Amino acid sequence: MQKPFRLFITGKPGCGKTTIIKHLGHHLRLSGYEICGFYTEEIRKEGSRTGFIIKTWDGTEALLAHKDAKSPYTVGKYKVLVENIDSVALPSMNPPSENTLILIDEIGKMECLSQDFCRKILSIMEAPNPLIATVPIRGGKFVERIKSMPGAVILVLDPGNRENLRDELLRRVIEYVRRKGE
């Protein structure tokens, strides 16, 4: 049996990790492949980042973090809404079949404030589904743990390789899914 993808994309902030995940998700959905998971987008006001939104591949969204949110959980200047991670991100990571690709942006400090999220990621690492996720270069003990798990492949993204890597990832995922279906 073919081992599932366990691919983690990392790189400096602003290098294009979210852009690659969104590109993969868009093209795979257009090609008829089943995906689940979520991505995050910045909230900007007057050119300045004020927070983040969780968006699932099926269209659900919720506030992840904001400078003005009410929450005891913080990462930098942002208050993190762990209840939204648990109510929106977690359900989005339940694949309907073994062939469903789990596509996550990101397994980061904010998301890892949820113990349920961390447990879900560990169960995904044991599941037969392919996984592609973004992770920070330095993300704490939990992120380092999953990056070092057997079968995990780490790709470092930078402005010099992002265009080629984007197309190569799409090709590899489609080939993997095609072979798995045979």
N, C-alpha and C. Protein backbone atom coordinates (compact mmCIF):
# COMPACT_ATOMS: atom_id res chain seq x y z
N MET A 1 0.84 -1.18 0.00
CA MET A 1 0.00 0.00 0.00
C MET A 1 0.89 1.24 0.00
N GLN A 2 0.52 2.21 -0.79
CA GLN A 2 1.29 3.44 -0.91
C GLN A 2 1.12 4.29 0.35
N LYS A 3 2.24 4.80 0.87
CA LYS A 3 2.17 5.66 2.05
C LYS A 3 1.55 7.00 1.66
N PRO A 4 0.74 7.57 2.56
CA PRO A 4 0.13 8.86 2.25
C PRO A 4 1.14 9.99 2.34
N PHE A 5 0.85 11.06 1.60
CA PHE A 5 1.63 12.29 1.70
C PHE A 5 1.58 12.78 3.14
N ARG A 6 2.67 13.28 3.61
CA ARG A 6 2.76 14.02 4.87
C ARG A 6 3.70 15.18 4.56
N LEU A 7 3.19 16.16 3.87
CA LEU A 7 4.02 17.23 3.32
C LEU A 7 3.77 18.53 4.08
N PHE A 8 4.86 19.09 4.62
CA PHE A 8 4.78 20.35 5.35
C PHE A 8 5.56 21.41 4.60
N ILE A 9 4.90 22.51 4.32
CA ILE A 9 5.52 23.64 3.63
C ILE A 9 5.85 24.68 4.68
N THR A 10 7.11 25.11 4.69
CA THR A 10 7.54 26.11 5.65
C THR A 10 8.30 27.21 4.94
N GLY A 11 8.56 28.26 5.64
CA GLY A 11 9.30 29.39 5.08
C GLY A 11 9.05 30.62 5.92
N LYS A 12 9.77 31.67 5.62
CA LYS A 12 9.63 32.92 6.36
C LYS A 12 8.24 33.51 6.14
N PRO A 13 7.75 34.29 7.09
CA PRO A 13 6.46 34.96 6.89
C PRO A 13 6.47 35.78 5.60
N GLY A 14 5.39 35.69 4.85
CA GLY A 14 5.26 36.45 3.61
C GLY A 14 5.89 35.80 2.39
N CYS A 15 6.40 34.57 2.53
CA CYS A 15 7.08 33.93 1.39
C CYS A 15 6.10 33.28 0.41
N GLY A 16 4.82 33.14 0.79
CA GLY A 16 3.84 32.60 -0.14
C GLY A 16 3.24 31.26 0.25
N LYS A 17 3.36 30.86 1.52
CA LYS A 17 2.82 29.56 1.96
C LYS A 17 1.31 29.49 1.76
N THR A 18 0.60 30.49 2.22
CA THR A 18 -0.86 30.51 2.07
C THR A 18 -1.25 30.56 0.60
N THR A 19 -0.53 31.32 -0.17
CA THR A 19 -0.81 31.42 -1.60
C THR A 19 -0.70 30.06 -2.28
N ILE A 20 0.31 29.29 -1.93
CA ILE A 20 0.48 27.95 -2.51
C ILE A 20 -0.67 27.04 -2.09
N ILE A 21 -1.05 27.07 -0.82
CA ILE A 21 -2.15 26.22 -0.35
C ILE A 21 -3.44 26.60 -1.09
N LYS A 22 -3.71 27.87 -1.21
CA LYS A 22 -4.92 28.31 -1.92
C LYS A 22 -4.88 27.90 -3.39
N HIS A 23 -3.73 28.00 -4.00
CA HIS A 23 -3.55 27.59 -5.41
C HIS A 23 -3.84 26.09 -5.55
N LEU A 24 -3.25 25.30 -4.68
CA LEU A 24 -3.48 23.84 -4.72
C LEU A 24 -4.97 23.53 -4.53
N GLY A 25 -5.56 24.13 -3.51
CA GLY A 25 -6.98 23.88 -3.24
C GLY A 25 -7.87 24.25 -4.41
N HIS A 26 -7.62 25.41 -4.99
CA HIS A 26 -8.42 25.88 -6.12
C HIS A 26 -8.31 24.92 -7.31
N HIS A 27 -7.09 24.57 -7.68
CA HIS A 27 -6.90 23.72 -8.86
C HIS A 27 -7.37 22.29 -8.63
N LEU A 28 -7.17 21.77 -7.44
CA LEU A 28 -7.63 20.41 -7.15
C LEU A 28 -9.16 20.34 -7.17
N ARG A 29 -9.81 21.33 -6.60
CA ARG A 29 -11.29 21.34 -6.62
C ARG A 29 -11.81 21.46 -8.05
N LEU A 30 -11.19 22.32 -8.83
CA LEU A 30 -11.61 22.46 -10.24
C LEU A 30 -11.41 21.16 -11.01
N SER A 31 -10.41 20.39 -10.62
CA SER A 31 -10.11 19.12 -11.28
C SER A 31 -10.96 17.98 -10.74
N GLY A 32 -11.83 18.27 -9.77
CA GLY A 32 -12.73 17.25 -9.26
C GLY A 32 -12.19 16.43 -8.09
N TYR A 33 -11.07 16.83 -7.52
CA TYR A 33 -10.52 16.10 -6.38
C TYR A 33 -11.19 16.56 -5.10
N GLU A 34 -11.33 15.63 -4.18
CA GLU A 34 -11.98 15.92 -2.90
C GLU A 34 -10.93 16.42 -1.91
N ILE A 35 -11.18 17.60 -1.34
CA ILE A 35 -10.29 18.15 -0.33
C ILE A 35 -11.10 18.59 0.88
N CYS A 36 -10.42 18.66 2.01
CA CYS A 36 -11.04 19.22 3.21
C CYS A 36 -9.95 19.97 3.96
N GLY A 37 -10.35 20.73 4.95
CA GLY A 37 -9.40 21.51 5.72
C GLY A 37 -9.75 22.99 5.66
N PHE A 38 -8.75 23.81 5.87
CA PHE A 38 -8.99 25.25 5.93
C PHE A 38 -7.72 26.02 5.56
N TYR A 39 -7.91 27.31 5.35
CA TYR A 39 -6.78 28.21 5.18
C TYR A 39 -7.10 29.48 5.96
N THR A 40 -6.11 30.31 6.14
CA THR A 40 -6.30 31.56 6.86
C THR A 40 -6.01 32.73 5.94
N GLU A 41 -6.70 33.82 6.21
CA GLU A 41 -6.46 35.05 5.46
C GLU A 41 -6.30 36.20 6.45
N GLU A 42 -5.48 37.14 6.07
CA GLU A 42 -5.27 38.33 6.89
C GLU A 42 -6.48 39.26 6.81
N ILE A 43 -6.72 39.96 7.89
CA ILE A 43 -7.66 41.08 7.90
C ILE A 43 -6.80 42.33 7.91
N ARG A 44 -7.04 43.22 6.98
CA ARG A 44 -6.25 44.45 6.89
C ARG A 44 -7.15 45.66 7.00
N LYS A 45 -6.64 46.68 7.68
CA LYS A 45 -7.35 47.95 7.79
C LYS A 45 -6.33 49.05 7.57
N GLU A 46 -6.59 49.86 6.56
CA GLU A 46 -5.69 50.97 6.23
C GLU A 46 -4.26 50.50 6.04
N GLY A 47 -4.09 49.36 5.34
CA GLY A 47 -2.77 48.84 5.02
C GLY A 47 -2.06 48.10 6.14
N SER A 48 -2.70 47.97 7.28
CA SER A 48 -2.08 47.31 8.42
C SER A 48 -2.86 46.05 8.78
N ARG A 49 -2.15 44.98 9.10
CA ARG A 49 -2.81 43.73 9.48
C ARG A 49 -3.38 43.87 10.89
N THR A 50 -4.68 43.52 11.00
CA THR A 50 -5.35 43.62 12.30
C THR A 50 -5.80 42.27 12.83
N GLY A 51 -5.79 41.23 11.98
CA GLY A 51 -6.24 39.93 12.44
C GLY A 51 -6.21 38.89 11.34
N PHE A 52 -6.88 37.76 11.63
CA PHE A 52 -6.92 36.63 10.70
C PHE A 52 -8.30 35.97 10.71
N ILE A 53 -8.69 35.45 9.57
CA ILE A 53 -9.94 34.71 9.41
C ILE A 53 -9.61 33.27 9.03
N ILE A 54 -10.38 32.32 9.58
CA ILE A 54 -10.32 30.92 9.16
C ILE A 54 -11.34 30.76 8.04
N LYS A 55 -10.95 30.16 6.92
CA LYS A 55 -11.88 29.86 5.83
C LYS A 55 -11.75 28.39 5.47
N THR A 56 -12.86 27.68 5.49
CA THR A 56 -12.83 26.26 5.13
C THR A 56 -13.02 26.13 3.63
N TRP A 57 -12.65 24.98 3.10
CA TRP A 57 -12.78 24.75 1.65
C TRP A 57 -14.24 24.67 1.22
N ASP A 58 -15.14 24.44 2.17
CA ASP A 58 -16.56 24.40 1.81
C ASP A 58 -17.26 25.74 2.03
N GLY A 59 -16.50 26.78 2.41
CA GLY A 59 -17.05 28.12 2.46
C GLY A 59 -17.40 28.66 3.83
N THR A 60 -17.22 27.90 4.89
CA THR A 60 -17.48 28.41 6.24
C THR A 60 -16.31 29.29 6.66
N GLU A 61 -16.60 30.34 7.39
CA GLU A 61 -15.51 31.17 7.89
C GLU A 61 -15.83 31.72 9.27
N ALA A 62 -14.76 32.06 9.99
CA ALA A 62 -14.89 32.61 11.34
C ALA A 62 -13.61 33.38 11.67
N LEU A 63 -13.72 34.26 12.62
CA LEU A 63 -12.58 35.02 13.08
C LEU A 63 -11.62 34.11 13.84
N LEU A 64 -10.37 34.10 13.46
CA LEU A 64 -9.34 33.33 14.15
C LEU A 64 -8.70 34.16 15.26
N ALA A 65 -8.30 35.37 14.89
CA ALA A 65 -7.62 36.24 15.85
C ALA A 65 -7.76 37.68 15.40
N HIS A 66 -7.74 38.58 16.37
CA HIS A 66 -7.83 40.00 16.05
C HIS A 66 -7.22 40.80 17.19
N LYS A 67 -6.68 41.96 16.85
CA LYS A 67 -6.10 42.83 17.87
C LYS A 67 -7.14 43.25 18.91
N ASP A 68 -8.39 43.43 18.49
CA ASP A 68 -9.43 43.93 19.37
C ASP A 68 -10.39 42.86 19.89
N ALA A 69 -10.09 41.59 19.64
CA ALA A 69 -10.97 40.51 20.11
C ALA A 69 -10.89 40.37 21.63
N LYS A 70 -11.90 39.74 22.17
CA LYS A 70 -11.92 39.44 23.60
C LYS A 70 -11.56 37.97 23.78
N SER A 71 -10.37 37.72 24.31
CA SER A 71 -9.91 36.36 24.52
C SER A 71 -8.72 36.37 25.48
N PRO A 72 -8.61 35.34 26.32
CA PRO A 72 -7.45 35.25 27.19
C PRO A 72 -6.20 34.72 26.48
N TYR A 73 -6.37 34.23 25.24
CA TYR A 73 -5.27 33.62 24.49
C TYR A 73 -4.66 34.65 23.56
N THR A 74 -3.34 34.79 23.61
CA THR A 74 -2.67 35.75 22.74
C THR A 74 -1.47 35.13 22.05
N VAL A 75 -1.25 35.61 20.83
CA VAL A 75 -0.02 35.36 20.09
C VAL A 75 0.40 36.72 19.56
N GLY A 76 1.49 37.22 20.06
CA GLY A 76 1.91 38.56 19.70
C GLY A 76 0.84 39.57 20.11
N LYS A 77 0.45 40.43 19.21
CA LYS A 77 -0.56 41.46 19.51
C LYS A 77 -1.99 40.98 19.27
N TYR A 78 -2.15 39.70 18.87
CA TYR A 78 -3.47 39.19 18.51
C TYR A 78 -4.10 38.37 19.62
N LYS A 79 -5.38 38.57 19.83
CA LYS A 79 -6.18 37.75 20.73
C LYS A 79 -6.77 36.62 19.89
N VAL A 80 -6.53 35.37 20.29
CA VAL A 80 -6.92 34.20 19.51
C VAL A 80 -8.23 33.62 20.03
N LEU A 81 -9.16 33.37 19.13
CA LEU A 81 -10.47 32.83 19.47
C LEU A 81 -10.44 31.31 19.32
N VAL A 82 -9.98 30.64 20.36
CA VAL A 82 -9.82 29.19 20.34
C VAL A 82 -11.16 28.51 20.05
N GLU A 83 -12.26 29.07 20.55
CA GLU A 83 -13.57 28.47 20.30
C GLU A 83 -13.89 28.41 18.81
N ASN A 84 -13.38 29.34 18.01
CA ASN A 84 -13.62 29.30 16.56
C ASN A 84 -12.73 28.27 15.87
N ILE A 85 -11.55 28.04 16.42
CA ILE A 85 -10.71 26.95 15.90
C ILE A 85 -11.45 25.64 16.11
N ASP A 86 -11.98 25.47 17.32
CA ASP A 86 -12.67 24.22 17.65
C ASP A 86 -13.98 24.05 16.89
N SER A 87 -14.71 25.13 16.64
CA SER A 87 -16.02 25.00 15.99
C SER A 87 -15.97 25.07 14.47
N VAL A 88 -14.92 25.62 13.90
CA VAL A 88 -14.84 25.76 12.43
C VAL A 88 -13.69 24.95 11.84
N ALA A 89 -12.47 25.14 12.34
CA ALA A 89 -11.32 24.44 11.76
C ALA A 89 -11.40 22.93 11.98
N LEU A 90 -11.72 22.52 13.22
CA LEU A 90 -11.74 21.08 13.52
C LEU A 90 -12.71 20.30 12.64
N PRO A 91 -13.97 20.71 12.52
CA PRO A 91 -14.88 19.94 11.66
C PRO A 91 -14.44 19.91 10.19
N SER A 92 -13.73 20.95 9.77
CA SER A 92 -13.30 21.00 8.36
C SER A 92 -12.23 19.96 8.05
N MET A 93 -11.61 19.39 9.08
CA MET A 93 -10.52 18.42 8.89
C MET A 93 -11.00 16.98 8.99
N ASN A 94 -12.30 16.76 8.86
CA ASN A 94 -12.87 15.40 8.89
C ASN A 94 -13.09 14.93 7.46
N PRO A 95 -12.16 14.16 6.92
CA PRO A 95 -12.30 13.72 5.52
C PRO A 95 -13.44 12.71 5.36
N PRO A 96 -14.27 12.88 4.32
CA PRO A 96 -15.36 11.93 4.10
C PRO A 96 -14.90 10.58 3.57
N SER A 97 -13.69 10.51 3.03
CA SER A 97 -13.17 9.23 2.55
C SER A 97 -11.65 9.20 2.70
N GLU A 98 -11.07 8.00 2.52
CA GLU A 98 -9.61 7.85 2.61
C GLU A 98 -8.88 8.56 1.48
N ASN A 99 -9.58 8.87 0.40
CA ASN A 99 -8.95 9.53 -0.73
C ASN A 99 -8.98 11.05 -0.63
N THR A 100 -9.67 11.58 0.38
CA THR A 100 -9.77 13.03 0.53
C THR A 100 -8.44 13.60 0.99
N LEU A 101 -7.96 14.61 0.28
CA LEU A 101 -6.74 15.31 0.65
C LEU A 101 -7.07 16.32 1.74
N ILE A 102 -6.30 16.29 2.82
CA ILE A 102 -6.45 17.27 3.90
C ILE A 102 -5.44 18.37 3.63
N LEU A 103 -5.96 19.58 3.43
CA LEU A 103 -5.16 20.74 3.03
C LEU A 103 -5.35 21.81 4.10
N ILE A 104 -4.27 22.13 4.83
CA ILE A 104 -4.36 23.01 6.00
C ILE A 104 -3.34 24.14 5.92
N ASP A 105 -3.83 25.35 6.13
CA ASP A 105 -2.98 26.52 6.32
C ASP A 105 -3.49 27.23 7.58
N GLU A 106 -2.97 27.06 8.64
CA GLU A 106 -1.69 26.48 8.96
C GLU A 106 -1.73 25.77 10.27
N ILE A 107 -0.70 24.99 10.55
CA ILE A 107 -0.52 24.39 11.86
C ILE A 107 0.48 25.30 12.56
N GLY A 108 -0.04 26.35 13.17
CA GLY A 108 0.82 27.37 13.75
C GLY A 108 0.54 27.62 15.21
N LYS A 109 1.17 28.64 15.74
CA LYS A 109 1.06 28.95 17.16
C LYS A 109 -0.38 29.23 17.58
N MET A 110 -1.11 29.96 16.75
CA MET A 110 -2.50 30.28 17.10
C MET A 110 -3.35 29.03 17.16
N GLU A 111 -3.28 28.22 16.12
CA GLU A 111 -4.10 27.01 16.05
C GLU A 111 -3.74 26.03 17.16
N CYS A 112 -2.47 25.98 17.50
CA CYS A 112 -2.01 25.02 18.51
C CYS A 112 -2.37 25.44 19.93
N LEU A 113 -3.00 26.60 20.11
CA LEU A 113 -3.54 26.95 21.42
C LEU A 113 -4.73 26.06 21.77
N SER A 114 -5.33 25.44 20.76
CA SER A 114 -6.42 24.50 20.97
C SER A 114 -5.85 23.10 21.16
N GLN A 115 -6.07 22.52 22.33
CA GLN A 115 -5.62 21.15 22.56
C GLN A 115 -6.35 20.18 21.65
N ASP A 116 -7.61 20.45 21.37
CA ASP A 116 -8.38 19.59 20.45
C ASP A 116 -7.78 19.63 19.05
N PHE A 117 -7.33 20.80 18.62
CA PHE A 117 -6.69 20.93 17.32
C PHE A 117 -5.43 20.06 17.27
N CYS A 118 -4.60 20.14 18.30
CA CYS A 118 -3.37 19.35 18.33
C CYS A 118 -3.68 17.85 18.30
N ARG A 119 -4.68 17.43 19.07
CA ARG A 119 -5.06 16.02 19.04
C ARG A 119 -5.54 15.60 17.65
N LYS A 120 -6.29 16.48 17.00
CA LYS A 120 -6.79 16.18 15.65
C LYS A 120 -5.63 16.03 14.67
N ILE A 121 -4.64 16.89 14.75
CA ILE A 121 -3.48 16.79 13.85
C ILE A 121 -2.76 15.47 14.09
N LEU A 122 -2.60 15.06 15.34
CA LEU A 122 -1.95 13.78 15.61
C LEU A 122 -2.75 12.62 15.03
N SER A 123 -4.07 12.68 15.11
CA SER A 123 -4.88 11.61 14.51
C SER A 123 -4.79 11.62 12.99
N ILE A 124 -4.69 12.79 12.40
CA ILE A 124 -4.51 12.89 10.94
C ILE A 124 -3.18 12.26 10.53
N MET A 125 -2.15 12.45 11.35
CA MET A 125 -0.84 11.88 11.03
C MET A 125 -0.89 10.36 11.00
N GLU A 126 -1.86 9.75 11.67
CA GLU A 126 -2.02 8.30 11.68
C GLU A 126 -3.03 7.81 10.65
N ALA A 127 -3.76 8.72 10.03
CA ALA A 127 -4.83 8.37 9.09
C ALA A 127 -4.25 8.05 7.70
N PRO A 128 -5.03 7.40 6.85
CA PRO A 128 -4.55 7.07 5.51
C PRO A 128 -4.62 8.23 4.51
N ASN A 129 -5.20 9.34 4.91
CA ASN A 129 -5.38 10.46 3.99
C ASN A 129 -4.08 11.20 3.72
N PRO A 130 -3.92 11.69 2.51
CA PRO A 130 -2.78 12.58 2.24
C PRO A 130 -2.99 13.91 2.97
N LEU A 131 -1.89 14.50 3.42
CA LEU A 131 -1.92 15.77 4.15
C LEU A 131 -0.88 16.71 3.57
N ILE A 132 -1.32 17.92 3.28
CA ILE A 132 -0.40 19.00 2.96
C ILE A 132 -0.77 20.14 3.88
N ALA A 133 0.22 20.66 4.60
CA ALA A 133 -0.04 21.74 5.55
C ALA A 133 1.14 22.69 5.59
N THR A 134 0.84 23.94 5.92
CA THR A 134 1.91 24.89 6.16
C THR A 134 2.22 24.91 7.64
N VAL A 135 3.49 25.12 7.94
CA VAL A 135 3.96 25.21 9.32
C VAL A 135 5.00 26.33 9.39
N PRO A 136 5.09 26.99 10.54
CA PRO A 136 6.12 28.02 10.67
C PRO A 136 7.51 27.39 10.79
N ILE A 137 8.51 28.16 10.47
CA ILE A 137 9.89 27.68 10.62
C ILE A 137 10.15 27.33 12.08
N ARG A 138 9.77 28.23 12.97
CA ARG A 138 9.88 27.99 14.41
C ARG A 138 8.47 28.09 14.98
N GLY A 139 7.91 26.94 15.34
CA GLY A 139 6.52 26.94 15.76
C GLY A 139 6.27 26.36 17.13
N GLY A 140 7.27 26.09 17.88
CA GLY A 140 7.05 25.52 19.19
C GLY A 140 7.19 24.01 19.20
N LYS A 141 7.02 23.42 20.38
CA LYS A 141 7.26 21.99 20.57
C LYS A 141 6.34 21.12 19.72
N PHE A 142 5.06 21.47 19.65
CA PHE A 142 4.13 20.62 18.91
C PHE A 142 4.47 20.62 17.42
N VAL A 143 4.73 21.78 16.86
CA VAL A 143 5.08 21.86 15.43
C VAL A 143 6.36 21.08 15.16
N GLU A 144 7.35 21.21 16.02
CA GLU A 144 8.59 20.46 15.84
C GLU A 144 8.33 18.96 15.92
N ARG A 145 7.43 18.56 16.80
CA ARG A 145 7.09 17.15 16.95
C ARG A 145 6.50 16.58 15.66
N ILE A 146 5.54 17.27 15.08
CA ILE A 146 4.92 16.72 13.86
C ILE A 146 5.87 16.79 12.66
N LYS A 147 6.72 17.82 12.62
CA LYS A 147 7.69 17.91 11.53
C LYS A 147 8.70 16.77 11.58
N SER A 148 8.93 16.21 12.77
CA SER A 148 9.92 15.15 12.90
C SER A 148 9.31 13.74 12.88
N MET A 149 8.00 13.65 12.68
CA MET A 149 7.35 12.34 12.67
C MET A 149 7.75 11.55 11.42
N PRO A 150 7.76 10.22 11.51
CA PRO A 150 8.11 9.39 10.36
C PRO A 150 7.20 9.70 9.16
N GLY A 151 7.82 9.84 8.02
CA GLY A 151 7.08 10.09 6.79
C GLY A 151 6.86 11.56 6.47
N ALA A 152 7.18 12.44 7.42
CA ALA A 152 6.99 13.88 7.17
C ALA A 152 8.07 14.39 6.23
N VAL A 153 7.64 15.11 5.22
CA VAL A 153 8.56 15.75 4.27
C VAL A 153 8.40 17.26 4.44
N ILE A 154 9.51 17.96 4.59
CA ILE A 154 9.50 19.41 4.80
C ILE A 154 10.02 20.08 3.54
N LEU A 155 9.24 21.00 2.99
CA LEU A 155 9.68 21.80 1.85
C LEU A 155 9.81 23.25 2.30
N VAL A 156 10.96 23.84 2.08
CA VAL A 156 11.19 25.23 2.45
C VAL A 156 10.90 26.11 1.25
N LEU A 157 9.97 27.00 1.43
CA LEU A 157 9.54 27.90 0.37
C LEU A 157 10.27 29.23 0.50
N ASP A 158 10.67 29.77 -0.64
CA ASP A 158 11.25 31.11 -0.67
C ASP A 158 10.90 31.75 -2.00
N PRO A 159 11.11 33.05 -2.14
CA PRO A 159 10.72 33.72 -3.39
C PRO A 159 11.38 33.13 -4.64
N GLY A 160 12.54 32.52 -4.48
CA GLY A 160 13.24 31.96 -5.62
C GLY A 160 12.68 30.64 -6.12
N ASN A 161 11.99 29.88 -5.26
CA ASN A 161 11.50 28.57 -5.68
C ASN A 161 9.98 28.45 -5.70
N ARG A 162 9.28 29.50 -5.30
CA ARG A 162 7.83 29.33 -5.10
C ARG A 162 7.05 29.04 -6.37
N GLU A 163 7.40 29.62 -7.48
CA GLU A 163 6.65 29.34 -8.72
C GLU A 163 6.84 27.90 -9.17
N ASN A 164 8.08 27.43 -9.19
CA ASN A 164 8.34 26.04 -9.59
C ASN A 164 7.75 25.06 -8.59
N LEU A 165 7.86 25.37 -7.32
CA LEU A 165 7.34 24.49 -6.28
C LEU A 165 5.82 24.37 -6.36
N ARG A 166 5.15 25.48 -6.64
CA ARG A 166 3.69 25.47 -6.76
C ARG A 166 3.24 24.49 -7.82
N ASP A 167 3.83 24.56 -9.00
CA ASP A 167 3.44 23.68 -10.10
C ASP A 167 3.87 22.23 -9.84
N GLU A 168 5.03 22.05 -9.24
CA GLU A 168 5.51 20.70 -8.93
C GLU A 168 4.62 20.03 -7.89
N LEU A 169 4.21 20.77 -6.86
CA LEU A 169 3.31 20.21 -5.85
C LEU A 169 1.99 19.78 -6.46
N LEU A 170 1.42 20.60 -7.30
CA LEU A 170 0.15 20.26 -7.94
C LEU A 170 0.31 18.99 -8.77
N ARG A 171 1.38 18.89 -9.53
CA ARG A 171 1.63 17.70 -10.34
C ARG A 171 1.79 16.46 -9.45
N ARG A 172 2.55 16.58 -8.38
CA ARG A 172 2.79 15.44 -7.48
C ARG A 172 1.52 14.97 -6.79
N VAL A 173 0.70 15.90 -6.35
CA VAL A 173 -0.54 15.53 -5.66
C VAL A 173 -1.49 14.84 -6.62
N ILE A 174 -1.63 15.36 -7.81
CA ILE A 174 -2.52 14.73 -8.79
C ILE A 174 -2.02 13.34 -9.14
N GLU A 175 -0.72 13.17 -9.30
CA GLU A 175 -0.15 11.85 -9.59
C GLU A 175 -0.38 10.90 -8.42
N TYR A 176 -0.19 11.36 -7.19
CA TYR A 176 -0.41 10.53 -6.02
C TYR A 176 -1.86 10.06 -5.96
N VAL A 177 -2.80 10.98 -6.12
CA VAL A 177 -4.22 10.64 -6.05
C VAL A 177 -4.59 9.67 -7.17
N ARG A 178 -4.05 9.89 -8.35
CA ARG A 178 -4.33 9.00 -9.48
C ARG A 178 -3.83 7.58 -9.18
N ARG A 179 -2.59 7.47 -8.67
CA ARG A 179 -2.02 6.14 -8.36
C ARG A 179 -2.79 5.47 -7.22
N LYS A 180 -3.20 6.25 -6.23
CA LYS A 180 -3.92 5.68 -5.11
C LYS A 180 -5.28 5.11 -5.56
N GLY A 181 -5.87 5.71 -6.55
CA GLY A 181 -7.17 5.27 -7.05
C GLY A 181 -7.10 4.04 -7.93
N GLU A 182 -5.91 3.65 -8.34
CA GLU A 182 -5.77 2.49 -9.24
C GLU A 182 -5.93 1.19 -8.50
